[in-house]
Amino acid sequence: MADLVAPTVLLHRAWLDARDEWGRDVVQHGSGLHHATDVDTPEGFAAWVHALNESADESVPMPEELVHATYWWIVEDGTVVGSITLRHRLTDHLLHAGGHIGYSVRPTARKRGLAAWALGQVLTHARQLGLDRVLVTCDDTNEASARTIERNGGVLEDVRDTELGRTRRYWIVLA
């Protein structure tokens, strides 16, 4: 059984195992990880976890180019199998290409419905934030992600060329 877990230093080794399966230079959508982030040392990992959790706190000012976001790790039996994030609002860039929600599931945990389950769970949090609809995007060639979004009520608005590549843009209405 999978759970959504707030980032925690208690899962340092499990998170590193997931990162290493993806590859150190592979983008993990929904993780909040940037290439320059030190996650290998306990101190660097703790600082990153703190920043991820603090980004959800609306009382903490954010740099102008960033938005508040809530991060979760998808955890199954102590194993980090993925990440998902809910951005609390959209910038012009996020409206054009990135959307409200980003997610990824590690390769050995795919094709089991974990992304669809996690997305459904996060939609509940989006409603609690007061959002009436969310934008979720995926690469135009990522058929599995497109199906995940569609299973959660995503309606395709368009496919466009963005700085992220050819991108499918879906809106999910939150009733």
Protein backbone atom coordinates (compact mmCIF):
# COMPACT_ATOMS: atom_id res chain seq x y z
CA MET A 1 0.00 0.00 0.00
CA ALA A 2 1.40 3.36 -1.01
CA ASP A 3 1.29 6.56 1.05
CA LEU A 4 1.98 10.20 0.32
CA VAL A 5 4.63 11.32 2.79
CA ALA A 6 5.97 14.82 3.40
CA PRO A 7 9.69 14.90 2.63
CA THR A 8 11.66 13.74 5.66
CA VAL A 9 15.31 13.14 6.52
CA LEU A 10 14.25 9.71 7.80
CA LEU A 11 14.00 8.57 4.17
CA HIS A 12 17.43 9.82 3.09
CA ARG A 13 18.80 6.41 2.06
CA ALA A 14 15.49 5.37 0.44
CA TRP A 15 15.36 8.64 -1.50
CA LEU A 16 18.96 8.24 -2.68
CA ASP A 17 18.15 4.71 -3.88
CA ALA A 18 15.27 6.09 -5.95
CA ARG A 19 17.43 8.92 -7.33
CA ASP A 20 20.17 6.46 -8.29
CA GLU A 21 17.67 4.25 -10.11
CA TRP A 22 16.55 7.24 -12.18
CA GLY A 23 20.13 8.38 -12.68
CA ARG A 24 21.86 11.32 -11.06
CA ASP A 25 21.31 13.67 -14.00
CA VAL A 26 17.72 12.69 -14.83
CA VAL A 27 14.97 15.21 -14.12
CA GLN A 28 12.49 13.83 -11.59
CA HIS A 29 9.32 15.79 -12.20
CA GLY A 30 7.56 16.77 -9.00
CA SER A 31 10.62 16.31 -6.80
CA GLY A 32 11.82 19.89 -6.48
CA LEU A 33 15.35 18.67 -7.10
CA HIS A 34 17.73 20.95 -8.97
CA HIS A 35 21.10 19.83 -10.33
CA ALA A 36 23.11 21.97 -7.91
CA THR A 37 21.30 20.64 -4.82
CA ASP A 38 23.49 18.66 -2.42
CA VAL A 39 21.40 15.64 -1.44
CA ASP A 40 24.22 13.18 -0.83
CA THR A 41 25.39 14.55 2.52
CA PRO A 42 23.10 14.40 5.55
CA GLU A 43 23.42 18.18 5.99
CA GLY A 44 22.64 18.97 2.36
CA PHE A 45 19.72 16.55 2.29
CA ALA A 46 18.31 18.03 5.53
CA ALA A 47 18.54 21.56 4.08
CA TRP A 48 16.77 20.44 0.90
CA VAL A 49 14.01 18.64 2.84
CA HIS A 50 13.54 21.75 5.00
CA ALA A 51 13.24 23.95 1.88
CA LEU A 52 10.71 21.58 0.28
CA ASN A 53 8.52 21.55 3.38
CA GLU A 54 8.86 25.29 3.94
CA SER A 55 7.72 26.02 0.38
CA ALA A 56 4.18 24.98 1.36
CA ASP A 57 4.01 27.63 4.09
CA GLU A 58 2.14 30.60 2.62
CA SER A 59 3.43 32.85 5.42
CA VAL A 60 7.02 32.43 4.19
CA PRO A 61 7.82 34.88 1.37
CA MET A 62 8.93 33.26 -1.90
CA PRO A 63 11.26 34.71 -4.53
CA GLU A 64 9.21 36.38 -7.26
CA GLU A 65 9.93 33.68 -9.86
CA LEU A 66 8.80 30.84 -7.56
CA VAL A 67 5.42 29.84 -6.15
CA HIS A 68 4.42 28.10 -2.95
CA ALA A 69 4.21 24.36 -3.48
CA THR A 70 3.49 21.26 -1.43
CA TYR A 71 5.74 18.26 -2.01
CA TRP A 72 5.12 14.61 -1.23
CA TRP A 73 7.06 11.45 -1.78
CA ILE A 74 5.17 8.36 -2.86
CA VAL A 75 6.34 5.71 -0.39
CA GLU A 76 5.60 2.00 -0.38
CA ASP A 77 6.92 -0.25 2.40
CA GLY A 78 9.70 2.23 3.22
CA THR A 79 10.73 2.56 -0.43
CA VAL A 80 10.47 5.92 -2.19
CA VAL A 81 8.75 5.08 -5.46
CA GLY A 82 8.02 8.60 -6.70
CA SER A 83 7.39 12.27 -6.09
CA ILE A 84 4.49 14.64 -6.65
CA THR A 85 4.07 18.36 -6.10
CA LEU A 86 1.15 20.75 -6.03
CA ARG A 87 1.98 24.32 -6.98
CA HIS A 88 -0.42 26.68 -5.23
CA ARG A 89 -0.70 29.10 -8.16
CA LEU A 90 0.56 29.51 -11.72
CA THR A 91 3.17 31.88 -13.06
CA ASP A 92 3.20 32.69 -16.78
CA HIS A 93 5.78 29.92 -17.28
CA LEU A 94 3.72 27.36 -15.33
CA LEU A 95 0.57 28.34 -17.23
CA HIS A 96 2.39 27.90 -20.52
CA ALA A 97 4.30 24.70 -19.79
CA GLY A 98 4.54 23.33 -16.24
CA GLY A 99 1.08 23.34 -14.66
CA HIS A 100 -0.05 23.02 -11.04
CA ILE A 101 1.00 19.40 -10.53
CA GLY A 102 4.16 17.55 -11.46
CA TYR A 103 4.92 13.91 -10.70
CA SER A 104 7.17 11.01 -11.51
CA VAL A 105 7.43 7.34 -10.57
CA ARG A 106 10.73 5.46 -10.52
CA PRO A 107 11.16 3.01 -13.41
CA THR A 108 10.77 -0.23 -11.40
CA ALA A 109 7.47 0.98 -9.87
CA ARG A 110 5.73 2.03 -13.09
CA LYS A 111 2.67 0.46 -14.73
CA ARG A 112 0.99 -0.22 -11.38
CA GLY A 113 -1.29 2.84 -11.17
CA LEU A 114 0.81 4.68 -8.58
CA ALA A 115 0.90 7.95 -10.53
CA ALA A 116 -2.88 7.91 -11.09
CA TRP A 117 -3.47 7.14 -7.41
CA ALA A 118 -1.09 9.91 -6.25
CA LEU A 119 -2.60 12.44 -8.65
CA GLY A 120 -6.08 11.63 -7.33
CA GLN A 121 -4.88 12.14 -3.75
CA VAL A 122 -3.30 15.49 -4.59
CA LEU A 123 -6.47 16.71 -6.30
CA THR A 124 -8.12 16.52 -2.87
CA HIS A 125 -5.41 18.81 -1.50
CA ALA A 126 -5.92 21.20 -4.43
CA ARG A 127 -9.61 21.47 -3.53
CA GLN A 128 -8.64 22.20 0.08
CA LEU A 129 -6.43 25.05 -1.16
CA GLY A 130 -9.49 26.52 -2.85
CA LEU A 131 -8.47 25.81 -6.43
CA ASP A 132 -11.43 25.26 -8.75
CA ARG A 133 -9.36 23.68 -11.52
CA VAL A 134 -5.75 22.61 -12.03
CA LEU A 135 -3.48 22.44 -15.03
CA VAL A 136 -1.48 19.22 -15.45
CA THR A 137 0.96 18.82 -18.32
CA CYS A 138 3.07 16.08 -19.81
CA ASP A 139 5.42 15.52 -22.69
CA ASP A 140 3.46 14.90 -25.88
CA THR A 141 5.11 11.48 -26.31
CA ASN A 142 4.40 10.30 -22.74
CA GLU A 143 1.28 8.23 -23.37
CA ALA A 144 1.30 6.72 -19.86
CA SER A 145 1.23 10.16 -18.25
CA ALA A 146 -1.50 11.33 -20.63
CA ARG A 147 -3.63 8.31 -19.59
CA THR A 148 -2.92 9.06 -15.91
CA ILE A 149 -4.16 12.62 -16.30
CA GLU A 150 -7.20 11.56 -18.34
CA ARG A 151 -8.13 8.91 -15.71
CA ASN A 152 -8.29 11.73 -13.18
CA GLY A 153 -10.63 13.85 -15.30
CA GLY A 154 -8.09 15.76 -17.38
CA VAL A 155 -9.49 17.41 -20.49
CA LEU A 156 -6.94 18.22 -23.17
CA GLU A 157 -6.81 21.93 -23.92
CA ASP A 158 -3.98 21.83 -26.44
CA VAL A 159 -0.60 20.49 -27.45
CA ARG A 160 2.06 23.18 -27.85
CA ASP A 161 5.75 23.71 -28.23
CA THR A 162 7.22 25.00 -24.97
CA GLU A 163 10.64 25.44 -23.42
CA LEU A 164 10.07 21.91 -22.05
CA GLY A 165 9.44 20.50 -25.53
CA ARG A 166 6.14 19.53 -27.17
CA THR A 167 3.69 19.59 -24.25
CA ARG A 168 0.16 18.29 -23.73
CA ARG A 169 -1.86 20.63 -21.45
CA TYR A 170 -4.85 19.27 -19.53
CA TRP A 171 -7.30 20.96 -17.18
CA ILE A 172 -8.97 19.06 -14.37
CA VAL A 173 -12.07 20.70 -12.91
CA LEU A 174 -12.35 20.25 -9.16
CA ALA A 175 -16.03 19.91 -8.26
